[in-house]
Amino acid sequence: MPAEGVRGGELRPEIDVAAMASLLIASVQGGYVLARAQRSQEAFRRATDAAKVALSGFAA
């Protein structure tokens, strides 16, 4: 997904797309694990919201 954003001009070209993809995947997976462990969707929402904030910091 980050590579598509760079190609489409939505993300700055200097972004490390592999690192950003890893961050996004880890955030979603981690949020899912936390949500299951805590039996609450709030943990998943917090993790995905944090990933969105991180990604928005690289907007073109």
C-alpha atoms as a PDB file:
ATOM      1  CA  MET A   1       0.000   0.000   0.000  1.00  0.00           C
ATOM      2  CA  PRO A   2       2.694   2.628   0.772  1.00  0.00           C
ATOM      3  CA  ALA A   3       4.354   2.026  -2.613  1.00  0.00           C
ATOM      4  CA  GLU A   4       1.048   2.752  -4.348  1.00  0.00           C
ATOM      5  CA  GLY A   5       0.762   5.947  -2.339  1.00  0.00           C
ATOM      6  CA  VAL A   6       4.223   7.054  -3.471  1.00  0.00           C
ATOM      7  CA  ARG A   7       3.476   6.207  -7.113  1.00  0.00           C
ATOM      8  CA  GLY A   8       0.158   8.033  -6.915  1.00  0.00           C
ATOM      9  CA  GLY A   9       1.739  11.129  -5.381  1.00  0.00           C
ATOM     10  CA  GLU A  10      -0.136  10.742  -2.087  1.00  0.00           C
ATOM     11  CA  LEU A  11       3.011   9.992  -0.049  1.00  0.00           C
ATOM     12  CA  ARG A  12       6.419  11.659  -0.164  1.00  0.00           C
ATOM     13  CA  PRO A  13       8.910   9.813  -2.390  1.00  0.00           C
ATOM     14  CA  GLU A  14      11.609   9.553   0.309  1.00  0.00           C
ATOM     15  CA  ILE A  15       9.437   7.236   2.416  1.00  0.00           C
ATOM     16  CA  ASP A  16      10.907   3.795   3.141  1.00  0.00           C
ATOM     17  CA  VAL A  17       7.971   1.833   1.745  1.00  0.00           C
ATOM     18  CA  ALA A  18       9.097  -1.527   3.169  1.00  0.00           C
ATOM     19  CA  ALA A  19       9.426  -0.083   6.683  1.00  0.00           C
ATOM     20  CA  MET A  20       6.084   1.700   6.437  1.00  0.00           C
ATOM     21  CA  ALA A  21       4.371  -1.464   5.193  1.00  0.00           C
ATOM     22  CA  SER A  22       5.868  -3.369   8.136  1.00  0.00           C
ATOM     23  CA  LEU A  23       4.619  -0.707  10.540  1.00  0.00           C
ATOM     24  CA  LEU A  24       1.100  -0.870   9.131  1.00  0.00           C
ATOM     25  CA  ILE A  25       0.971  -4.670   9.212  1.00  0.00           C
ATOM     26  CA  ALA A  26       2.387  -4.822  12.745  1.00  0.00           C
ATOM     27  CA  SER A  27      -0.123  -2.231  13.935  1.00  0.00           C
ATOM     28  CA  VAL A  28      -3.088  -4.131  12.520  1.00  0.00           C
ATOM     29  CA  GLN A  29      -1.860  -7.511  13.752  1.00  0.00           C
ATOM     30  CA  GLY A  30      -0.918  -6.144  17.153  1.00  0.00           C
ATOM     31  CA  GLY A  31      -4.241  -4.374  17.505  1.00  0.00           C
ATOM     32  CA  TYR A  32      -6.051  -7.604  16.668  1.00  0.00           C
ATOM     33  CA  VAL A  33      -4.079  -9.568  19.268  1.00  0.00           C
ATOM     34  CA  LEU A  34      -4.680  -6.925  21.924  1.00  0.00           C
ATOM     35  CA  ALA A  35      -8.378  -6.713  21.107  1.00  0.00           C
ATOM     36  CA  ARG A  36      -8.750 -10.473  21.473  1.00  0.00           C
ATOM     37  CA  ALA A  37      -6.742 -10.567  24.698  1.00  0.00           C
ATOM     38  CA  GLN A  38      -8.674  -7.667  26.224  1.00  0.00           C
ATOM     39  CA  ARG A  39     -11.981  -8.709  24.675  1.00  0.00           C
ATOM     40  CA  SER A  40     -12.410  -5.158  23.485  1.00  0.00           C
ATOM     41  CA  GLN A  41     -12.354  -3.517  20.072  1.00  0.00           C
ATOM     42  CA  GLU A  42     -10.880  -0.375  21.618  1.00  0.00           C
ATOM     43  CA  ALA A  43      -7.321  -1.762  21.505  1.00  0.00           C
ATOM     44  CA  PHE A  44      -7.671  -2.486  17.791  1.00  0.00           C
ATOM     45  CA  ARG A  45      -9.064   0.986  17.139  1.00  0.00           C
ATOM     46  CA  ARG A  46      -6.200   2.642  19.034  1.00  0.00           C
ATOM     47  CA  ALA A  47      -3.570   0.638  17.142  1.00  0.00           C
ATOM     48  CA  THR A  48      -5.060   1.344  13.718  1.00  0.00           C
ATOM     49  CA  ASP A  49      -5.616   5.009  14.548  1.00  0.00           C
ATOM     50  CA  ALA A  50      -1.934   5.299  15.538  1.00  0.00           C
ATOM     51  CA  ALA A  51      -0.918   3.704  12.232  1.00  0.00           C
ATOM     52  CA  LYS A  52      -3.071   6.210  10.343  1.00  0.00           C
ATOM     53  CA  VAL A  53      -1.405   9.101  12.191  1.00  0.00           C
ATOM     54  CA  ALA A  54       2.049   7.716  11.383  1.00  0.00           C
ATOM     55  CA  LEU A  55       1.163   7.328   7.713  1.00  0.00           C
ATOM     56  CA  SER A  56      -0.389  10.796   7.486  1.00  0.00           C
ATOM     57  CA  GLY A  57       2.941  12.264   8.606  1.00  0.00           C
ATOM     58  CA  PHE A  58       4.342  11.225   5.229  1.00  0.00           C
ATOM     59  CA  ALA A  59       1.614  12.785   3.094  1.00  0.00           C
ATOM     60  CA  ALA A  60       2.869  14.553  -0.025  1.00  0.00           C
END
